[in-house]
Amino acid sequence: MLYMAEEKLHIDTDWKKQAQEEKRRLAEQAAATKAKEPAIIAPPSGPGEARAAGRPRAQMPPASFSTLVQSLLTQALFYLGDLSARGAEPTVNLEMAKHQIDTLGVLEEKTKGNLSEDEQKLMDTVLYEARMRYVSVAAQFT
C-alpha cells in the first residue's frame, strides 16, 4: 500500500507540473498577442457598460458641430425619459434635462452668426424639439 500512495503522489505532482506549464504557456501567448495590439488610450466603453468579448468596437463619429449638438440632445432626451440604458427603465430628471437644453441654448448664443446654413437649421430644430419635449414631459409632473 505504501507503493500505491507514492505512485499516486507522483502522478499528482506530474499533473500539477503539466497544469503549471500550460498556464505559463497561455500567459506567454496572451502577452505576445497583447504586445501586437495597438495601445488603447480611452476606455472601450462608456460608464456602466461592459464591452462584450469578441464584439467589434463601434466606430466613433468624427468630432463636429453636429456631433456636439446631437450629443447634447441625446443627453436631454435621456433625462426626459425618452432613452434609457439597455434593459433599464427610463427615468426622468427634469433638472438635468433643462441643464442640457440650456447648454444647447448657450451654444446657440455663442455661435450666432458663425454657423453654416445647415448647422443653423440643425441648431434651430434641435432646440425647438428639445424645448417642446421638455414642456410636454414637465406638464405630466405638475
N, C-alpha and C. Protein backbone atom coordinates (compact mmCIF):
# COMPACT_ATOMS: atom_id res chain seq x y z
N MET A 1 0.80 -1.19 0.00
CA MET A 1 0.00 0.00 0.00
C MET A 1 0.85 1.26 0.00
N LEU A 2 2.00 1.20 0.61
CA LEU A 2 2.87 2.35 0.62
C LEU A 2 3.30 2.70 -0.79
N TYR A 3 3.55 1.70 -1.62
CA TYR A 3 3.95 1.92 -3.00
C TYR A 3 2.85 2.66 -3.77
N MET A 4 1.58 2.30 -3.58
CA MET A 4 0.45 2.93 -4.25
C MET A 4 0.37 4.40 -3.86
N ALA A 5 0.56 4.70 -2.60
CA ALA A 5 0.48 6.08 -2.15
C ALA A 5 1.58 6.91 -2.81
N GLU A 6 2.80 6.34 -2.91
CA GLU A 6 3.89 7.07 -3.55
C GLU A 6 3.62 7.29 -5.03
N GLU A 7 3.05 6.27 -5.71
CA GLU A 7 2.75 6.40 -7.13
C GLU A 7 1.68 7.47 -7.35
N LYS A 8 0.69 7.49 -6.51
CA LYS A 8 -0.37 8.50 -6.62
C LYS A 8 0.22 9.89 -6.41
N LEU A 9 1.10 10.04 -5.47
CA LEU A 9 1.75 11.31 -5.23
C LEU A 9 2.55 11.72 -6.46
N HIS A 10 3.21 10.80 -7.08
CA HIS A 10 3.99 11.08 -8.27
C HIS A 10 3.09 11.54 -9.41
N ILE A 11 1.95 10.89 -9.61
CA ILE A 11 1.01 11.26 -10.67
C ILE A 11 0.44 12.65 -10.39
N ASP A 12 0.07 12.91 -9.16
CA ASP A 12 -0.47 14.22 -8.80
C ASP A 12 0.56 15.32 -9.04
N THR A 13 1.81 15.05 -8.72
CA THR A 13 2.87 16.02 -8.93
C THR A 13 3.06 16.28 -10.42
N ASP A 14 3.05 15.21 -11.25
CA ASP A 14 3.16 15.39 -12.70
C ASP A 14 2.01 16.22 -13.24
N TRP A 15 0.81 15.94 -12.80
CA TRP A 15 -0.37 16.69 -13.26
C TRP A 15 -0.23 18.16 -12.90
N LYS A 16 0.22 18.42 -11.68
CA LYS A 16 0.39 19.80 -11.24
C LYS A 16 1.44 20.51 -12.08
N LYS A 17 2.55 19.82 -12.39
CA LYS A 17 3.59 20.41 -13.23
C LYS A 17 3.05 20.70 -14.63
N GLN A 18 2.26 19.78 -15.18
CA GLN A 18 1.68 20.00 -16.50
C GLN A 18 0.75 21.20 -16.49
N ALA A 19 -0.08 21.30 -15.48
CA ALA A 19 -1.03 22.42 -15.38
C ALA A 19 -0.28 23.75 -15.26
N GLN A 20 0.78 23.77 -14.46
CA GLN A 20 1.57 24.99 -14.31
C GLN A 20 2.25 25.37 -15.63
N GLU A 21 2.76 24.38 -16.35
CA GLU A 21 3.41 24.63 -17.63
C GLU A 21 2.40 25.18 -18.65
N GLU A 22 1.21 24.59 -18.68
CA GLU A 22 0.17 25.06 -19.59
C GLU A 22 -0.24 26.50 -19.24
N LYS A 23 -0.36 26.77 -17.98
CA LYS A 23 -0.72 28.13 -17.53
C LYS A 23 0.36 29.12 -17.96
N ARG A 24 1.64 28.75 -17.83
CA ARG A 24 2.75 29.61 -18.23
C ARG A 24 2.71 29.86 -19.73
N ARG A 25 2.47 28.79 -20.53
CA ARG A 25 2.41 28.94 -21.99
C ARG A 25 1.27 29.86 -22.40
N LEU A 26 0.11 29.70 -21.78
CA LEU A 26 -1.03 30.56 -22.10
C LEU A 26 -0.75 32.02 -21.75
N ALA A 27 -0.09 32.24 -20.64
CA ALA A 27 0.26 33.61 -20.24
C ALA A 27 1.23 34.23 -21.24
N GLU A 28 2.19 33.44 -21.72
CA GLU A 28 3.13 33.94 -22.73
C GLU A 28 2.42 34.27 -24.03
N GLN A 29 1.50 33.39 -24.43
CA GLN A 29 0.73 33.65 -25.66
C GLN A 29 -0.11 34.91 -25.52
N ALA A 30 -0.75 35.08 -24.38
CA ALA A 30 -1.58 36.27 -24.15
C ALA A 30 -0.72 37.54 -24.17
N ALA A 31 0.46 37.47 -23.57
CA ALA A 31 1.36 38.63 -23.56
C ALA A 31 1.84 38.96 -24.97
N ALA A 32 2.13 37.94 -25.78
CA ALA A 32 2.57 38.16 -27.15
C ALA A 32 1.45 38.77 -27.98
N THR A 33 0.24 38.29 -27.80
CA THR A 33 -0.92 38.83 -28.52
C THR A 33 -1.17 40.27 -28.12
N LYS A 34 -1.08 40.55 -26.84
CA LYS A 34 -1.32 41.91 -26.34
C LYS A 34 -0.26 42.88 -26.86
N ALA A 35 0.96 42.42 -26.98
CA ALA A 35 2.04 43.27 -27.48
C ALA A 35 1.80 43.67 -28.93
N LYS A 36 1.12 42.83 -29.70
CA LYS A 36 0.84 43.12 -31.10
C LYS A 36 -0.33 44.10 -31.27
N GLU A 37 -1.22 44.19 -30.28
CA GLU A 37 -2.39 45.07 -30.37
C GLU A 37 -1.98 46.51 -30.12
N PRO A 38 -2.65 47.47 -30.79
CA PRO A 38 -2.35 48.88 -30.52
C PRO A 38 -2.81 49.26 -29.11
N ALA A 39 -2.13 50.21 -28.53
CA ALA A 39 -2.48 50.66 -27.19
C ALA A 39 -3.81 51.38 -27.21
N ILE A 40 -4.61 51.17 -26.18
CA ILE A 40 -5.91 51.85 -26.07
C ILE A 40 -5.73 53.04 -25.16
N ILE A 41 -6.08 54.22 -25.66
CA ILE A 41 -5.92 55.43 -24.88
C ILE A 41 -7.15 55.68 -24.03
N ALA A 42 -8.33 55.50 -24.60
CA ALA A 42 -9.58 55.73 -23.89
C ALA A 42 -10.22 54.39 -23.56
N PRO A 43 -11.08 54.35 -22.53
CA PRO A 43 -11.77 53.11 -22.22
C PRO A 43 -12.63 52.69 -23.41
N PRO A 44 -12.77 51.36 -23.64
CA PRO A 44 -13.51 50.89 -24.80
C PRO A 44 -15.00 51.10 -24.72
N SER A 45 -15.55 51.40 -23.56
CA SER A 45 -16.99 51.58 -23.45
C SER A 45 -17.29 52.64 -22.42
N GLY A 46 -18.53 53.07 -22.42
CA GLY A 46 -18.97 54.11 -21.50
C GLY A 46 -19.11 53.59 -20.10
N PRO A 47 -19.35 54.50 -19.14
CA PRO A 47 -19.50 54.09 -17.75
C PRO A 47 -20.68 53.14 -17.59
N GLY A 48 -20.47 52.11 -16.84
CA GLY A 48 -21.54 51.17 -16.58
C GLY A 48 -21.77 50.17 -17.70
N GLU A 49 -21.03 50.25 -18.74
CA GLU A 49 -21.19 49.35 -19.87
C GLU A 49 -19.98 48.46 -19.99
N ALA A 50 -20.20 47.17 -20.06
CA ALA A 50 -19.10 46.24 -20.30
C ALA A 50 -19.12 45.87 -21.77
N ARG A 51 -17.97 45.93 -22.41
CA ARG A 51 -17.88 45.56 -23.81
C ARG A 51 -17.83 44.05 -23.88
N ALA A 52 -18.70 43.46 -24.66
CA ALA A 52 -18.76 42.00 -24.80
C ALA A 52 -17.50 41.51 -25.50
N ALA A 53 -16.99 40.39 -25.03
CA ALA A 53 -15.78 39.82 -25.63
C ALA A 53 -16.04 39.46 -27.08
N GLY A 54 -15.12 39.83 -27.94
CA GLY A 54 -15.23 39.48 -29.33
C GLY A 54 -16.10 40.43 -30.15
N ARG A 55 -16.83 41.32 -29.52
CA ARG A 55 -17.69 42.24 -30.25
C ARG A 55 -16.84 43.40 -30.75
N PRO A 56 -16.95 43.74 -32.03
CA PRO A 56 -16.13 44.83 -32.56
C PRO A 56 -16.51 46.17 -31.95
N ARG A 57 -15.53 47.03 -31.82
CA ARG A 57 -15.79 48.36 -31.27
C ARG A 57 -16.58 49.18 -32.28
N ALA A 58 -17.48 50.00 -31.78
CA ALA A 58 -18.23 50.90 -32.64
C ALA A 58 -17.29 52.01 -33.11
N GLN A 59 -17.45 52.39 -34.34
CA GLN A 59 -16.63 53.47 -34.89
C GLN A 59 -17.15 54.80 -34.35
N MET A 60 -16.26 55.60 -33.82
CA MET A 60 -16.65 56.90 -33.28
C MET A 60 -16.88 57.87 -34.43
N PRO A 61 -17.95 58.67 -34.34
CA PRO A 61 -18.16 59.67 -35.39
C PRO A 61 -17.10 60.76 -35.27
N PRO A 62 -16.79 61.42 -36.36
CA PRO A 62 -15.80 62.49 -36.27
C PRO A 62 -16.33 63.64 -35.41
N ALA A 63 -15.43 64.29 -34.72
CA ALA A 63 -15.83 65.43 -33.90
C ALA A 63 -16.28 66.55 -34.84
N SER A 64 -17.47 67.07 -34.60
CA SER A 64 -18.00 68.14 -35.42
C SER A 64 -19.06 68.89 -34.64
N PHE A 65 -19.49 69.99 -35.19
CA PHE A 65 -20.55 70.78 -34.55
C PHE A 65 -21.82 69.93 -34.42
N SER A 66 -22.20 69.24 -35.50
CA SER A 66 -23.44 68.46 -35.46
C SER A 66 -23.33 67.31 -34.46
N THR A 67 -22.17 66.71 -34.32
CA THR A 67 -21.99 65.64 -33.34
C THR A 67 -22.15 66.19 -31.92
N LEU A 68 -21.61 67.37 -31.69
CA LEU A 68 -21.75 68.01 -30.37
C LEU A 68 -23.22 68.30 -30.06
N VAL A 69 -23.91 68.88 -31.01
CA VAL A 69 -25.33 69.21 -30.81
C VAL A 69 -26.14 67.94 -30.57
N GLN A 70 -25.89 66.91 -31.38
CA GLN A 70 -26.63 65.67 -31.23
C GLN A 70 -26.31 64.97 -29.91
N SER A 71 -25.09 65.11 -29.44
CA SER A 71 -24.72 64.54 -28.15
C SER A 71 -25.48 65.21 -27.01
N LEU A 72 -25.55 66.53 -27.06
CA LEU A 72 -26.29 67.26 -26.02
C LEU A 72 -27.78 66.94 -26.09
N LEU A 73 -28.32 66.80 -27.30
CA LEU A 73 -29.73 66.43 -27.45
C LEU A 73 -29.98 65.04 -26.89
N THR A 74 -29.09 64.11 -27.17
CA THR A 74 -29.24 62.74 -26.66
C THR A 74 -29.28 62.74 -25.14
N GLN A 75 -28.43 63.53 -24.52
CA GLN A 75 -28.42 63.61 -23.06
C GLN A 75 -29.73 64.20 -22.55
N ALA A 76 -30.23 65.23 -23.22
CA ALA A 76 -31.51 65.83 -22.81
C ALA A 76 -32.63 64.80 -22.92
N LEU A 77 -32.67 64.07 -24.02
CA LEU A 77 -33.71 63.05 -24.21
C LEU A 77 -33.59 61.92 -23.19
N PHE A 78 -32.36 61.60 -22.81
CA PHE A 78 -32.15 60.60 -21.77
C PHE A 78 -32.80 61.06 -20.46
N TYR A 79 -32.54 62.32 -20.09
CA TYR A 79 -33.09 62.84 -18.84
C TYR A 79 -34.59 63.11 -18.92
N LEU A 80 -35.13 63.19 -20.12
CA LEU A 80 -36.58 63.34 -20.29
C LEU A 80 -37.28 61.98 -20.30
N GLY A 81 -36.51 60.90 -20.20
CA GLY A 81 -37.08 59.56 -20.15
C GLY A 81 -37.35 58.96 -21.51
N ASP A 82 -36.93 59.61 -22.59
CA ASP A 82 -37.15 59.08 -23.93
C ASP A 82 -36.14 58.00 -24.28
N LEU A 83 -35.01 57.98 -23.62
CA LEU A 83 -33.95 57.00 -23.84
C LEU A 83 -33.56 56.39 -22.51
N SER A 84 -33.06 55.16 -22.57
CA SER A 84 -32.56 54.53 -21.34
C SER A 84 -31.47 53.55 -21.71
N ALA A 85 -30.71 53.18 -20.71
CA ALA A 85 -29.67 52.16 -20.91
C ALA A 85 -30.36 50.84 -21.23
N ARG A 86 -29.69 49.99 -21.99
CA ARG A 86 -30.26 48.71 -22.38
C ARG A 86 -30.70 47.93 -21.15
N GLY A 87 -31.97 47.55 -21.14
CA GLY A 87 -32.51 46.75 -20.04
C GLY A 87 -32.93 47.54 -18.83
N ALA A 88 -32.71 48.85 -18.83
CA ALA A 88 -33.06 49.68 -17.68
C ALA A 88 -34.36 50.42 -17.96
N GLU A 89 -35.05 50.75 -16.91
CA GLU A 89 -36.27 51.55 -17.02
C GLU A 89 -35.89 53.01 -17.26
N PRO A 90 -36.61 53.70 -18.14
CA PRO A 90 -36.33 55.13 -18.34
C PRO A 90 -36.63 55.91 -17.06
N THR A 91 -35.83 56.91 -16.80
CA THR A 91 -36.06 57.77 -15.65
C THR A 91 -36.13 59.21 -16.13
N VAL A 92 -36.84 60.03 -15.38
CA VAL A 92 -36.99 61.44 -15.73
C VAL A 92 -36.28 62.28 -14.68
N ASN A 93 -35.43 63.19 -15.15
CA ASN A 93 -34.75 64.14 -14.29
C ASN A 93 -34.86 65.49 -14.99
N LEU A 94 -35.93 66.22 -14.65
CA LEU A 94 -36.21 67.48 -15.35
C LEU A 94 -35.11 68.51 -15.16
N GLU A 95 -34.48 68.52 -13.99
CA GLU A 95 -33.41 69.48 -13.74
C GLU A 95 -32.23 69.25 -14.69
N MET A 96 -31.82 68.00 -14.85
CA MET A 96 -30.70 67.70 -15.75
C MET A 96 -31.10 67.90 -17.21
N ALA A 97 -32.35 67.57 -17.56
CA ALA A 97 -32.82 67.80 -18.93
C ALA A 97 -32.77 69.29 -19.25
N LYS A 98 -33.24 70.11 -18.31
CA LYS A 98 -33.22 71.56 -18.52
C LYS A 98 -31.79 72.07 -18.65
N HIS A 99 -30.89 71.51 -17.88
CA HIS A 99 -29.48 71.91 -17.96
C HIS A 99 -28.92 71.61 -19.35
N GLN A 100 -29.21 70.44 -19.90
CA GLN A 100 -28.72 70.09 -21.23
C GLN A 100 -29.32 71.01 -22.30
N ILE A 101 -30.60 71.30 -22.17
CA ILE A 101 -31.26 72.19 -23.14
C ILE A 101 -30.70 73.61 -23.01
N ASP A 102 -30.47 74.06 -21.78
CA ASP A 102 -29.86 75.38 -21.57
C ASP A 102 -28.44 75.42 -22.15
N THR A 103 -27.71 74.32 -22.05
CA THR A 103 -26.37 74.25 -22.64
C THR A 103 -26.45 74.39 -24.16
N LEU A 104 -27.45 73.76 -24.76
CA LEU A 104 -27.67 73.95 -26.20
C LEU A 104 -27.97 75.42 -26.51
N GLY A 105 -28.74 76.06 -25.64
CA GLY A 105 -29.04 77.49 -25.82
C GLY A 105 -27.79 78.35 -25.74
N VAL A 106 -26.90 78.04 -24.81
CA VAL A 106 -25.64 78.78 -24.70
C VAL A 106 -24.82 78.57 -25.97
N LEU A 107 -24.77 77.34 -26.45
CA LEU A 107 -24.04 77.05 -27.68
C LEU A 107 -24.62 77.84 -28.86
N GLU A 108 -25.93 77.93 -28.91
CA GLU A 108 -26.58 78.71 -29.97
C GLU A 108 -26.18 80.18 -29.89
N GLU A 109 -26.21 80.70 -28.68
CA GLU A 109 -25.88 82.12 -28.48
C GLU A 109 -24.41 82.40 -28.83
N LYS A 110 -23.53 81.54 -28.41
CA LYS A 110 -22.10 81.75 -28.62
C LYS A 110 -21.66 81.54 -30.08
N THR A 111 -22.47 80.81 -30.85
CA THR A 111 -22.10 80.55 -32.24
C THR A 111 -22.91 81.38 -33.23
N LYS A 112 -23.76 82.28 -32.70
CA LYS A 112 -24.63 83.08 -33.56
C LYS A 112 -23.80 83.83 -34.61
N GLY A 113 -24.20 83.69 -35.88
CA GLY A 113 -23.51 84.35 -36.97
C GLY A 113 -22.29 83.60 -37.48
N ASN A 114 -21.94 82.49 -36.86
CA ASN A 114 -20.75 81.74 -37.27
C ASN A 114 -21.08 80.34 -37.79
N LEU A 115 -22.36 80.05 -37.98
CA LEU A 115 -22.76 78.71 -38.41
C LEU A 115 -23.12 78.71 -39.89
N SER A 116 -22.92 77.55 -40.51
CA SER A 116 -23.39 77.39 -41.89
C SER A 116 -24.91 77.31 -41.85
N GLU A 117 -25.53 77.38 -43.01
CA GLU A 117 -26.99 77.31 -43.08
C GLU A 117 -27.49 75.98 -42.51
N ASP A 118 -26.82 74.88 -42.86
CA ASP A 118 -27.22 73.56 -42.35
C ASP A 118 -27.04 73.47 -40.83
N GLU A 119 -25.94 73.99 -40.33
CA GLU A 119 -25.70 73.97 -38.87
C GLU A 119 -26.75 74.79 -38.14
N GLN A 120 -27.12 75.93 -38.70
CA GLN A 120 -28.13 76.77 -38.06
C GLN A 120 -29.49 76.07 -38.06
N LYS A 121 -29.83 75.41 -39.15
CA LYS A 121 -31.09 74.64 -39.21
C LYS A 121 -31.09 73.54 -38.16
N LEU A 122 -29.97 72.84 -38.04
CA LEU A 122 -29.85 71.78 -37.05
C LEU A 122 -30.06 72.35 -35.65
N MET A 123 -29.38 73.46 -35.35
CA MET A 123 -29.49 74.06 -34.03
C MET A 123 -30.93 74.50 -33.74
N ASP A 124 -31.56 75.16 -34.71
CA ASP A 124 -32.93 75.62 -34.52
C ASP A 124 -33.89 74.45 -34.28
N THR A 125 -33.75 73.42 -35.09
CA THR A 125 -34.63 72.25 -34.99
C THR A 125 -34.43 71.53 -33.67
N VAL A 126 -33.18 71.29 -33.32
CA VAL A 126 -32.87 70.56 -32.08
C VAL A 126 -33.39 71.33 -30.87
N LEU A 127 -33.14 72.63 -30.83
CA LEU A 127 -33.61 73.41 -29.68
C LEU A 127 -35.14 73.45 -29.60
N TYR A 128 -35.79 73.62 -30.73
CA TYR A 128 -37.25 73.65 -30.73
C TYR A 128 -37.81 72.32 -30.23
N GLU A 129 -37.33 71.22 -30.82
CA GLU A 129 -37.83 69.90 -30.44
C GLU A 129 -37.54 69.58 -28.98
N ALA A 130 -36.34 69.89 -28.51
CA ALA A 130 -35.98 69.61 -27.12
C ALA A 130 -36.83 70.42 -26.15
N ARG A 131 -37.04 71.68 -26.46
CA ARG A 131 -37.86 72.53 -25.58
C ARG A 131 -39.31 72.07 -25.55
N MET A 132 -39.85 71.72 -26.71
CA MET A 132 -41.24 71.23 -26.75
C MET A 132 -41.38 69.91 -26.00
N ARG A 133 -40.41 69.04 -26.13
CA ARG A 133 -40.45 67.77 -25.41
C ARG A 133 -40.35 68.00 -23.91
N TYR A 134 -39.52 68.94 -23.51
CA TYR A 134 -39.37 69.27 -22.08
C TYR A 134 -40.72 69.75 -21.52
N VAL A 135 -41.38 70.67 -22.25
CA VAL A 135 -42.67 71.20 -21.80
C VAL A 135 -43.69 70.08 -21.67
N SER A 136 -43.69 69.17 -22.63
CA SER A 136 -44.62 68.05 -22.61
C SER A 136 -44.39 67.13 -21.41
N VAL A 137 -43.15 66.79 -21.15
CA VAL A 137 -42.84 65.91 -20.03
C VAL A 137 -43.07 66.63 -18.70
N ALA A 138 -42.66 67.87 -18.60
CA ALA A 138 -42.83 68.63 -17.36
C ALA A 138 -44.32 68.77 -17.01
N ALA A 139 -45.19 68.90 -18.02
CA ALA A 139 -46.62 69.03 -17.78
C ALA A 139 -47.20 67.77 -17.11
N GLN A 140 -46.60 66.62 -17.36
CA GLN A 140 -47.07 65.38 -16.75
C GLN A 140 -46.76 65.32 -15.26
N PHE A 141 -45.81 66.12 -14.81
CA PHE A 141 -45.39 66.09 -13.40
C PHE A 141 -45.92 67.27 -12.60
N THR A 142 -46.80 68.07 -13.19
CA THR A 142 -47.34 69.21 -12.43
C THR A 142 -48.81 69.04 -12.17
